[in-house]
């Protein structure tokens, strides 16, 4: 399993992952093209020729924001999401960020539990934040001094 920067040739695979992950933000091909062209950082997790997941982030002042993270359903609980999140957190540390922030659908219990493992906690609620379906988002924050430093310290459940 390899994490590498998102490239233009990955967009079709990313859209395929997005199509089976209705709980994530539904971006357009031009949105991902902006990432591939360096407007914001993004990574894919690849095993052999298959893209198994992706993450897009951005830097805002002293924060990094995780904008979109998805893993193919058949590749979940295999360390793909963990590898991508850790890559983004390493990037955040290199940016000298103080916090990582993100939004999660209120109903996405699996994602909430996943982020809790890395020190994220609920800091607020954004009513009607998501479309299709309309749903509130929970704002999650992790301070870098409390974020898990490496994958070896995070247990992966089978």
N, C-alpha and C. Protein backbone atom coordinates (compact mmCIF):
# COMPACT_ATOMS: atom_id res chain seq x y z
N UNK A 1 0.85 -1.17 0.00
CA UNK A 1 0.00 0.00 0.00
C UNK A 1 0.90 1.24 0.00
N UNK A 2 0.62 2.15 -0.91
CA UNK A 2 1.45 3.33 -1.08
C UNK A 2 0.56 4.58 -1.07
N UNK A 3 0.95 5.59 -0.31
CA UNK A 3 0.28 6.89 -0.33
C UNK A 3 1.15 7.82 -1.16
N UNK A 4 0.52 8.47 -2.13
CA UNK A 4 1.25 9.39 -3.01
C UNK A 4 0.35 10.57 -3.35
N UNK A 5 0.94 11.65 -3.88
CA UNK A 5 0.12 12.80 -4.26
C UNK A 5 -0.90 12.45 -5.34
N UNK A 6 -2.06 13.06 -5.24
CA UNK A 6 -3.14 12.89 -6.22
C UNK A 6 -2.71 13.48 -7.55
N UNK A 7 -2.96 12.75 -8.63
CA UNK A 7 -2.61 13.19 -9.98
C UNK A 7 -3.85 13.24 -10.86
N UNK A 8 -3.75 13.93 -11.98
CA UNK A 8 -4.89 14.03 -12.90
C UNK A 8 -5.42 12.68 -13.32
N UNK A 9 -4.55 11.72 -13.54
CA UNK A 9 -4.96 10.39 -13.96
C UNK A 9 -5.75 9.62 -12.92
N UNK A 10 -5.80 10.14 -11.69
CA UNK A 10 -6.53 9.48 -10.60
C UNK A 10 -8.00 9.90 -10.52
N UNK A 11 -8.37 10.95 -11.22
CA UNK A 11 -9.69 11.55 -11.03
C UNK A 11 -10.82 10.56 -11.33
N UNK A 12 -10.70 9.78 -12.38
CA UNK A 12 -11.76 8.83 -12.71
C UNK A 12 -11.95 7.81 -11.57
N UNK A 13 -10.86 7.31 -11.01
CA UNK A 13 -10.96 6.37 -9.89
C UNK A 13 -11.55 7.04 -8.65
N UNK A 14 -11.16 8.28 -8.41
CA UNK A 14 -11.68 9.02 -7.26
C UNK A 14 -13.19 9.23 -7.40
N UNK A 15 -13.63 9.58 -8.60
CA UNK A 15 -15.07 9.74 -8.82
C UNK A 15 -15.81 8.42 -8.62
N UNK A 16 -15.17 7.32 -8.99
CA UNK A 16 -15.77 6.01 -8.75
C UNK A 16 -15.92 5.72 -7.26
N UNK A 17 -14.91 6.06 -6.50
CA UNK A 17 -14.98 5.88 -5.04
C UNK A 17 -16.07 6.78 -4.47
N UNK A 18 -16.05 8.04 -4.89
CA UNK A 18 -17.05 9.00 -4.41
C UNK A 18 -18.47 8.51 -4.69
N UNK A 19 -18.69 7.88 -5.85
CA UNK A 19 -20.04 7.45 -6.22
C UNK A 19 -20.60 6.37 -5.30
N UNK A 20 -19.73 5.62 -4.63
CA UNK A 20 -20.20 4.58 -3.70
C UNK A 20 -20.05 5.02 -2.24
N UNK A 21 -19.75 6.29 -2.04
CA UNK A 21 -19.61 6.86 -0.69
C UNK A 21 -20.49 8.11 -0.57
N UNK A 22 -21.81 7.93 -0.52
CA UNK A 22 -22.70 9.09 -0.50
C UNK A 22 -22.56 9.96 0.75
N UNK A 23 -21.90 9.46 1.77
CA UNK A 23 -21.74 10.23 3.01
C UNK A 23 -20.69 11.33 2.90
N UNK A 24 -19.85 11.31 1.87
CA UNK A 24 -18.81 12.33 1.74
C UNK A 24 -19.30 13.49 0.89
N UNK A 25 -18.54 14.57 0.89
CA UNK A 25 -18.85 15.71 0.02
C UNK A 25 -18.71 15.25 -1.42
N UNK A 26 -19.70 15.56 -2.23
CA UNK A 26 -19.72 15.14 -3.63
C UNK A 26 -19.13 16.24 -4.50
N UNK A 27 -17.89 16.08 -4.88
CA UNK A 27 -17.17 17.06 -5.67
C UNK A 27 -17.31 16.75 -7.16
N UNK A 28 -16.98 17.73 -7.97
CA UNK A 28 -17.03 17.57 -9.42
C UNK A 28 -15.63 17.28 -9.97
N UNK A 29 -15.55 16.77 -11.19
CA UNK A 29 -14.22 16.55 -11.79
C UNK A 29 -13.34 17.81 -11.78
N UNK A 30 -13.88 19.01 -12.10
CA UNK A 30 -13.02 20.20 -12.02
C UNK A 30 -12.48 20.47 -10.61
N UNK A 31 -13.26 20.11 -9.57
CA UNK A 31 -12.76 20.29 -8.20
C UNK A 31 -11.51 19.44 -7.98
N UNK A 32 -11.57 18.18 -8.40
CA UNK A 32 -10.41 17.30 -8.23
C UNK A 32 -9.27 17.70 -9.15
N UNK A 33 -9.57 18.25 -10.31
CA UNK A 33 -8.52 18.73 -11.22
C UNK A 33 -7.73 19.85 -10.55
N UNK A 34 -8.40 20.70 -9.80
CA UNK A 34 -7.71 21.78 -9.07
C UNK A 34 -6.72 21.20 -8.07
N UNK A 35 -7.11 20.10 -7.43
CA UNK A 35 -6.21 19.43 -6.48
C UNK A 35 -5.01 18.85 -7.24
N UNK A 36 -5.29 18.16 -8.33
CA UNK A 36 -4.22 17.54 -9.12
C UNK A 36 -3.24 18.58 -9.66
N UNK A 37 -3.73 19.79 -9.88
CA UNK A 37 -2.86 20.87 -10.39
C UNK A 37 -2.20 21.67 -9.28
N UNK A 38 -2.34 21.23 -8.03
CA UNK A 38 -1.60 21.83 -6.94
C UNK A 38 -2.25 22.99 -6.21
N UNK A 39 -3.53 23.26 -6.47
CA UNK A 39 -4.19 24.34 -5.75
C UNK A 39 -4.39 24.03 -4.27
N UNK A 40 -4.45 22.75 -3.96
CA UNK A 40 -4.50 22.28 -2.57
C UNK A 40 -3.95 20.87 -2.57
N UNK A 41 -3.46 20.40 -1.43
CA UNK A 41 -2.87 19.06 -1.43
C UNK A 41 -3.91 17.96 -1.39
N UNK A 42 -3.58 16.88 -2.04
CA UNK A 42 -4.42 15.69 -2.03
C UNK A 42 -3.55 14.47 -2.20
N UNK A 43 -4.00 13.35 -1.64
CA UNK A 43 -3.25 12.10 -1.72
C UNK A 43 -4.18 10.97 -2.07
N UNK A 44 -3.63 9.94 -2.66
CA UNK A 44 -4.35 8.70 -2.90
C UNK A 44 -3.58 7.58 -2.22
N UNK A 45 -4.30 6.56 -1.85
CA UNK A 45 -3.70 5.33 -1.34
C UNK A 45 -3.90 4.28 -2.42
N UNK A 46 -2.80 3.75 -2.90
CA UNK A 46 -2.84 2.84 -4.04
C UNK A 46 -2.20 1.51 -3.65
N UNK A 47 -2.83 0.44 -4.09
CA UNK A 47 -2.23 -0.89 -3.96
C UNK A 47 -2.26 -1.50 -5.35
N UNK A 48 -1.08 -1.85 -5.83
CA UNK A 48 -0.89 -2.27 -7.21
C UNK A 48 -1.47 -1.18 -8.09
N UNK A 49 -2.41 -1.46 -8.97
CA UNK A 49 -2.93 -0.43 -9.87
C UNK A 49 -4.22 0.19 -9.36
N UNK A 50 -4.72 -0.25 -8.21
CA UNK A 50 -6.02 0.21 -7.72
C UNK A 50 -5.89 1.34 -6.70
N UNK A 51 -6.63 2.43 -6.95
CA UNK A 51 -6.76 3.50 -5.97
C UNK A 51 -7.79 3.03 -4.95
N UNK A 52 -7.38 2.94 -3.70
CA UNK A 52 -8.27 2.42 -2.65
C UNK A 52 -8.93 3.52 -1.84
N UNK A 53 -8.34 4.72 -1.86
CA UNK A 53 -8.92 5.82 -1.12
C UNK A 53 -8.21 7.11 -1.47
N UNK A 54 -8.77 8.22 -1.01
CA UNK A 54 -8.18 9.53 -1.27
C UNK A 54 -8.51 10.49 -0.15
N UNK A 55 -7.71 11.54 -0.05
CA UNK A 55 -7.92 12.60 0.93
C UNK A 55 -7.49 13.92 0.29
N UNK A 56 -8.27 14.96 0.55
CA UNK A 56 -7.95 16.32 0.11
C UNK A 56 -7.98 17.22 1.33
N UNK A 57 -7.00 18.11 1.42
CA UNK A 57 -6.90 19.03 2.56
C UNK A 57 -6.55 20.43 2.07
N UNK A 58 -6.49 21.34 3.00
CA UNK A 58 -6.00 22.68 2.69
C UNK A 58 -5.48 23.31 3.98
N UNK A 59 -4.69 24.34 3.82
CA UNK A 59 -4.15 25.08 4.95
C UNK A 59 -4.90 26.40 5.07
N UNK A 60 -5.34 26.71 6.29
CA UNK A 60 -6.04 27.96 6.55
C UNK A 60 -5.44 28.56 7.82
N UNK A 61 -4.60 29.57 7.67
CA UNK A 61 -3.96 30.17 8.83
C UNK A 61 -3.16 29.15 9.60
N UNK A 62 -3.48 28.97 10.87
CA UNK A 62 -2.75 28.00 11.70
C UNK A 62 -3.45 26.64 11.75
N UNK A 63 -4.43 26.43 10.87
CA UNK A 63 -5.16 25.16 10.82
C UNK A 63 -4.93 24.47 9.49
N UNK A 64 -5.12 23.15 9.51
CA UNK A 64 -5.33 22.43 8.26
C UNK A 64 -6.77 21.94 8.32
N UNK A 65 -7.39 21.89 7.16
CA UNK A 65 -8.76 21.39 7.09
C UNK A 65 -8.78 20.17 6.16
N UNK A 66 -9.31 19.08 6.67
CA UNK A 66 -9.51 17.89 5.87
C UNK A 66 -10.84 18.12 5.14
N UNK A 67 -10.78 18.23 3.83
CA UNK A 67 -11.96 18.57 3.05
C UNK A 67 -12.75 17.36 2.58
N UNK A 68 -12.07 16.29 2.24
CA UNK A 68 -12.75 15.10 1.74
C UNK A 68 -11.84 13.89 1.95
N UNK A 69 -12.42 12.83 2.47
CA UNK A 69 -11.70 11.57 2.68
C UNK A 69 -12.68 10.44 2.40
N UNK A 70 -12.26 9.52 1.55
CA UNK A 70 -13.11 8.36 1.25
C UNK A 70 -12.24 7.15 0.96
N UNK A 71 -12.78 5.98 1.32
CA UNK A 71 -12.12 4.70 1.08
C UNK A 71 -13.14 3.78 0.42
N UNK A 72 -12.70 3.04 -0.60
CA UNK A 72 -13.59 2.05 -1.23
C UNK A 72 -14.18 1.16 -0.14
N UNK A 73 -15.47 0.87 -0.20
CA UNK A 73 -16.08 0.04 0.85
C UNK A 73 -15.35 -1.28 1.08
N UNK A 74 -14.90 -1.96 0.03
CA UNK A 74 -14.22 -3.25 0.21
C UNK A 74 -12.81 -3.10 0.78
N UNK A 75 -12.28 -1.88 0.85
CA UNK A 75 -10.93 -1.65 1.38
C UNK A 75 -10.95 -1.02 2.78
N UNK A 76 -12.12 -0.89 3.35
CA UNK A 76 -12.22 -0.29 4.68
C UNK A 76 -11.70 -1.23 5.76
N UNK A 77 -11.21 -0.63 6.82
CA UNK A 77 -10.67 -1.34 7.98
C UNK A 77 -9.39 -2.12 7.65
N UNK A 78 -8.69 -1.64 6.61
CA UNK A 78 -7.42 -2.25 6.22
C UNK A 78 -6.26 -1.27 6.35
N UNK A 79 -6.51 -0.11 6.94
CA UNK A 79 -5.45 0.88 7.14
C UNK A 79 -5.37 1.96 6.09
N UNK A 80 -6.25 1.94 5.10
CA UNK A 80 -6.21 2.94 4.02
C UNK A 80 -6.52 4.33 4.58
N UNK A 81 -7.64 4.47 5.28
CA UNK A 81 -8.01 5.76 5.85
C UNK A 81 -6.97 6.26 6.84
N UNK A 82 -6.45 5.36 7.65
CA UNK A 82 -5.41 5.72 8.61
C UNK A 82 -4.18 6.25 7.90
N UNK A 83 -3.74 5.56 6.86
CA UNK A 83 -2.55 6.00 6.12
C UNK A 83 -2.76 7.38 5.51
N UNK A 84 -3.93 7.61 4.93
CA UNK A 84 -4.22 8.91 4.33
C UNK A 84 -4.29 10.01 5.38
N UNK A 85 -4.98 9.74 6.49
CA UNK A 85 -5.09 10.76 7.53
C UNK A 85 -3.72 11.08 8.11
N UNK A 86 -2.91 10.08 8.37
CA UNK A 86 -1.57 10.33 8.91
C UNK A 86 -0.72 11.14 7.94
N UNK A 87 -0.86 10.87 6.64
CA UNK A 87 -0.13 11.67 5.64
C UNK A 87 -0.54 13.14 5.74
N UNK A 88 -1.84 13.39 5.87
CA UNK A 88 -2.31 14.78 5.94
C UNK A 88 -1.84 15.44 7.24
N UNK A 89 -1.79 14.68 8.32
CA UNK A 89 -1.34 15.25 9.59
C UNK A 89 0.17 15.53 9.56
N UNK A 90 0.93 14.68 8.91
CA UNK A 90 2.36 14.96 8.73
C UNK A 90 2.55 16.23 7.92
N UNK A 91 1.74 16.38 6.87
CA UNK A 91 1.80 17.59 6.06
C UNK A 91 1.44 18.80 6.93
N UNK A 92 0.42 18.66 7.76
CA UNK A 92 0.03 19.76 8.66
C UNK A 92 1.14 20.15 9.62
N UNK A 93 1.82 19.17 10.16
CA UNK A 93 2.95 19.47 11.05
C UNK A 93 4.04 20.23 10.29
N UNK A 94 4.30 19.81 9.06
CA UNK A 94 5.31 20.49 8.24
C UNK A 94 4.89 21.94 7.95
N UNK A 95 3.57 22.18 7.91
CA UNK A 95 3.04 23.53 7.70
C UNK A 95 3.02 24.33 9.00
N UNK A 96 3.43 23.68 10.10
CA UNK A 96 3.42 24.26 11.44
C UNK A 96 2.00 24.62 11.89
N UNK A 97 1.06 23.80 11.46
CA UNK A 97 -0.33 23.99 11.88
C UNK A 97 -0.48 23.66 13.35
N UNK A 98 -1.44 24.31 13.98
CA UNK A 98 -1.73 24.06 15.39
C UNK A 98 -2.88 23.08 15.55
N UNK A 99 -3.82 23.09 14.58
CA UNK A 99 -5.00 22.23 14.69
C UNK A 99 -5.34 21.65 13.34
N UNK A 100 -6.04 20.53 13.40
CA UNK A 100 -6.67 19.94 12.21
C UNK A 100 -8.17 20.03 12.45
N UNK A 101 -8.92 20.42 11.43
CA UNK A 101 -10.37 20.54 11.54
C UNK A 101 -11.03 19.82 10.38
N UNK A 102 -12.27 19.42 10.56
CA UNK A 102 -13.05 18.79 9.51
C UNK A 102 -14.51 18.73 9.92
N UNK A 103 -15.37 18.47 8.95
CA UNK A 103 -16.79 18.26 9.21
C UNK A 103 -17.15 16.82 8.87
N UNK A 104 -18.09 16.28 9.65
CA UNK A 104 -18.59 14.92 9.44
C UNK A 104 -20.10 14.94 9.56
N UNK A 105 -20.78 14.19 8.71
CA UNK A 105 -22.23 14.06 8.84
C UNK A 105 -22.57 13.53 10.23
N UNK A 106 -23.61 14.08 10.83
CA UNK A 106 -24.05 13.63 12.14
C UNK A 106 -24.31 12.13 12.16
N UNK A 107 -24.82 11.59 11.06
CA UNK A 107 -25.17 10.17 11.00
C UNK A 107 -23.97 9.25 10.74
N UNK A 108 -22.80 9.80 10.45
CA UNK A 108 -21.65 8.97 10.07
C UNK A 108 -20.87 8.54 11.32
N UNK A 109 -21.46 7.61 12.04
CA UNK A 109 -20.89 7.14 13.31
C UNK A 109 -19.51 6.50 13.09
N UNK A 110 -19.36 5.73 12.02
CA UNK A 110 -18.06 5.09 11.76
C UNK A 110 -16.95 6.13 11.61
N UNK A 111 -17.22 7.21 10.88
CA UNK A 111 -16.21 8.27 10.72
C UNK A 111 -15.94 8.96 12.04
N UNK A 112 -16.97 9.22 12.82
CA UNK A 112 -16.76 9.86 14.12
C UNK A 112 -15.85 9.01 15.00
N UNK A 113 -16.09 7.72 15.06
CA UNK A 113 -15.24 6.82 15.86
C UNK A 113 -13.81 6.78 15.32
N UNK A 114 -13.69 6.77 13.99
CA UNK A 114 -12.37 6.78 13.36
C UNK A 114 -11.57 8.01 13.80
N UNK A 115 -12.15 9.19 13.67
CA UNK A 115 -11.43 10.42 14.02
C UNK A 115 -11.16 10.53 15.51
N UNK A 116 -12.03 10.01 16.34
CA UNK A 116 -11.79 10.01 17.79
C UNK A 116 -10.49 9.30 18.13
N UNK A 117 -10.17 8.25 17.40
CA UNK A 117 -8.94 7.49 17.64
C UNK A 117 -7.69 8.34 17.47
N UNK A 118 -7.81 9.45 16.75
CA UNK A 118 -6.68 10.32 16.50
C UNK A 118 -6.72 11.60 17.33
N UNK A 119 -7.61 11.66 18.30
CA UNK A 119 -7.67 12.82 19.17
C UNK A 119 -8.63 13.91 18.74
N UNK A 120 -9.44 13.68 17.71
CA UNK A 120 -10.44 14.67 17.30
C UNK A 120 -11.61 14.65 18.28
N UNK A 121 -12.19 15.82 18.51
CA UNK A 121 -13.38 15.91 19.35
C UNK A 121 -14.37 16.89 18.72
N UNK A 122 -15.63 16.75 19.10
CA UNK A 122 -16.69 17.61 18.57
C UNK A 122 -16.54 19.01 19.16
N UNK A 123 -16.49 20.00 18.28
CA UNK A 123 -16.35 21.39 18.72
C UNK A 123 -17.53 22.25 18.30
N UNK A 124 -18.47 21.70 17.54
CA UNK A 124 -19.62 22.48 17.11
C UNK A 124 -20.48 21.69 16.14
N UNK A 125 -21.56 22.32 15.76
CA UNK A 125 -22.53 21.71 14.83
C UNK A 125 -22.87 22.74 13.77
N UNK A 126 -22.95 22.30 12.52
CA UNK A 126 -23.31 23.18 11.40
C UNK A 126 -24.62 22.68 10.81
N UNK A 127 -25.72 23.37 11.14
CA UNK A 127 -27.04 22.93 10.65
C UNK A 127 -27.12 22.94 9.12
N UNK A 128 -27.73 21.87 8.58
CA UNK A 128 -28.01 21.76 7.15
C UNK A 128 -26.76 21.99 6.29
N UNK A 129 -25.63 21.55 6.76
CA UNK A 129 -24.35 21.75 6.07
C UNK A 129 -24.26 20.93 4.79
N UNK A 130 -24.76 19.71 4.82
CA UNK A 130 -24.68 18.81 3.67
C UNK A 130 -25.96 18.84 2.86
N UNK A 131 -25.81 18.59 1.56
CA UNK A 131 -26.93 18.40 0.64
C UNK A 131 -26.96 16.92 0.25
N UNK A 132 -28.07 16.50 -0.26
CA UNK A 132 -28.23 15.18 -0.87
C UNK A 132 -27.76 14.03 0.01
N UNK A 133 -28.36 13.71 1.08
CA UNK A 133 -29.49 14.41 1.67
C UNK A 133 -29.02 15.55 2.57
N UNK A 134 -29.96 16.44 2.84
CA UNK A 134 -29.67 17.55 3.75
C UNK A 134 -29.45 16.97 5.14
N UNK A 135 -28.35 17.39 5.75
CA UNK A 135 -28.00 16.87 7.07
C UNK A 135 -27.04 17.82 7.77
N UNK A 136 -27.11 17.85 9.09
CA UNK A 136 -26.18 18.64 9.88
C UNK A 136 -24.79 18.01 9.83
N UNK A 137 -23.79 18.85 10.06
CA UNK A 137 -22.41 18.37 10.19
C UNK A 137 -21.93 18.66 11.61
N UNK A 138 -21.08 17.80 12.10
CA UNK A 138 -20.36 18.05 13.34
C UNK A 138 -18.98 18.55 12.96
N UNK A 139 -18.56 19.64 13.60
CA UNK A 139 -17.22 20.18 13.40
C UNK A 139 -16.30 19.47 14.39
N UNK A 140 -15.27 18.83 13.86
CA UNK A 140 -14.29 18.12 14.69
C UNK A 140 -12.97 18.86 14.64
N UNK A 141 -12.29 18.87 15.79
CA UNK A 141 -11.00 19.54 15.91
C UNK A 141 -10.04 18.64 16.66
N UNK A 142 -8.80 18.63 16.23
CA UNK A 142 -7.71 17.97 16.96
C UNK A 142 -6.55 18.94 17.04
N UNK A 143 -6.00 19.09 18.22
CA UNK A 143 -4.81 19.92 18.40
C UNK A 143 -3.59 19.05 18.13
N UNK A 144 -2.63 19.57 17.38
CA UNK A 144 -1.50 18.76 16.97
C UNK A 144 -0.70 18.21 18.14
N UNK A 145 -0.71 18.87 19.27
CA UNK A 145 0.02 18.33 20.41
C UNK A 145 -0.68 17.12 21.03
N UNK A 146 -1.93 16.84 20.59
CA UNK A 146 -2.67 15.70 21.12
C UNK A 146 -2.98 14.65 20.06
N UNK A 147 -2.60 14.89 18.81
CA UNK A 147 -2.88 13.97 17.71
C UNK A 147 -1.91 12.81 17.77
N UNK A 148 -2.42 11.60 17.49
CA UNK A 148 -1.56 10.42 17.46
C UNK A 148 -0.45 10.63 16.43
N UNK A 149 0.81 10.36 16.80
CA UNK A 149 1.92 10.67 15.91
C UNK A 149 2.19 9.67 14.78
N UNK A 150 1.79 8.42 14.93
CA UNK A 150 2.15 7.46 13.89
C UNK A 150 1.17 6.31 13.84
N UNK A 151 1.16 5.63 12.71
CA UNK A 151 0.24 4.51 12.53
C UNK A 151 0.54 3.39 13.52
N UNK A 152 1.77 3.23 13.95
CA UNK A 152 2.11 2.14 14.86
C UNK A 152 1.44 2.31 16.22
N UNK A 153 1.04 3.52 16.57
CA UNK A 153 0.40 3.74 17.85
C UNK A 153 -1.12 3.65 17.78
N UNK A 154 -1.64 3.42 16.58
CA UNK A 154 -3.09 3.38 16.40
C UNK A 154 -3.51 1.95 16.05
N UNK A 155 -4.31 1.31 16.91
CA UNK A 155 -4.71 -0.05 16.58
C UNK A 155 -5.68 -0.08 15.40
N UNK A 156 -5.50 -1.02 14.52
CA UNK A 156 -6.40 -1.21 13.39
C UNK A 156 -7.27 -2.40 13.74
N UNK A 157 -8.57 -2.17 13.78
CA UNK A 157 -9.50 -3.25 14.10
C UNK A 157 -9.74 -4.11 12.87
N UNK A 158 -9.78 -5.44 13.06
CA UNK A 158 -10.05 -6.31 11.90
C UNK A 158 -11.47 -6.19 11.42
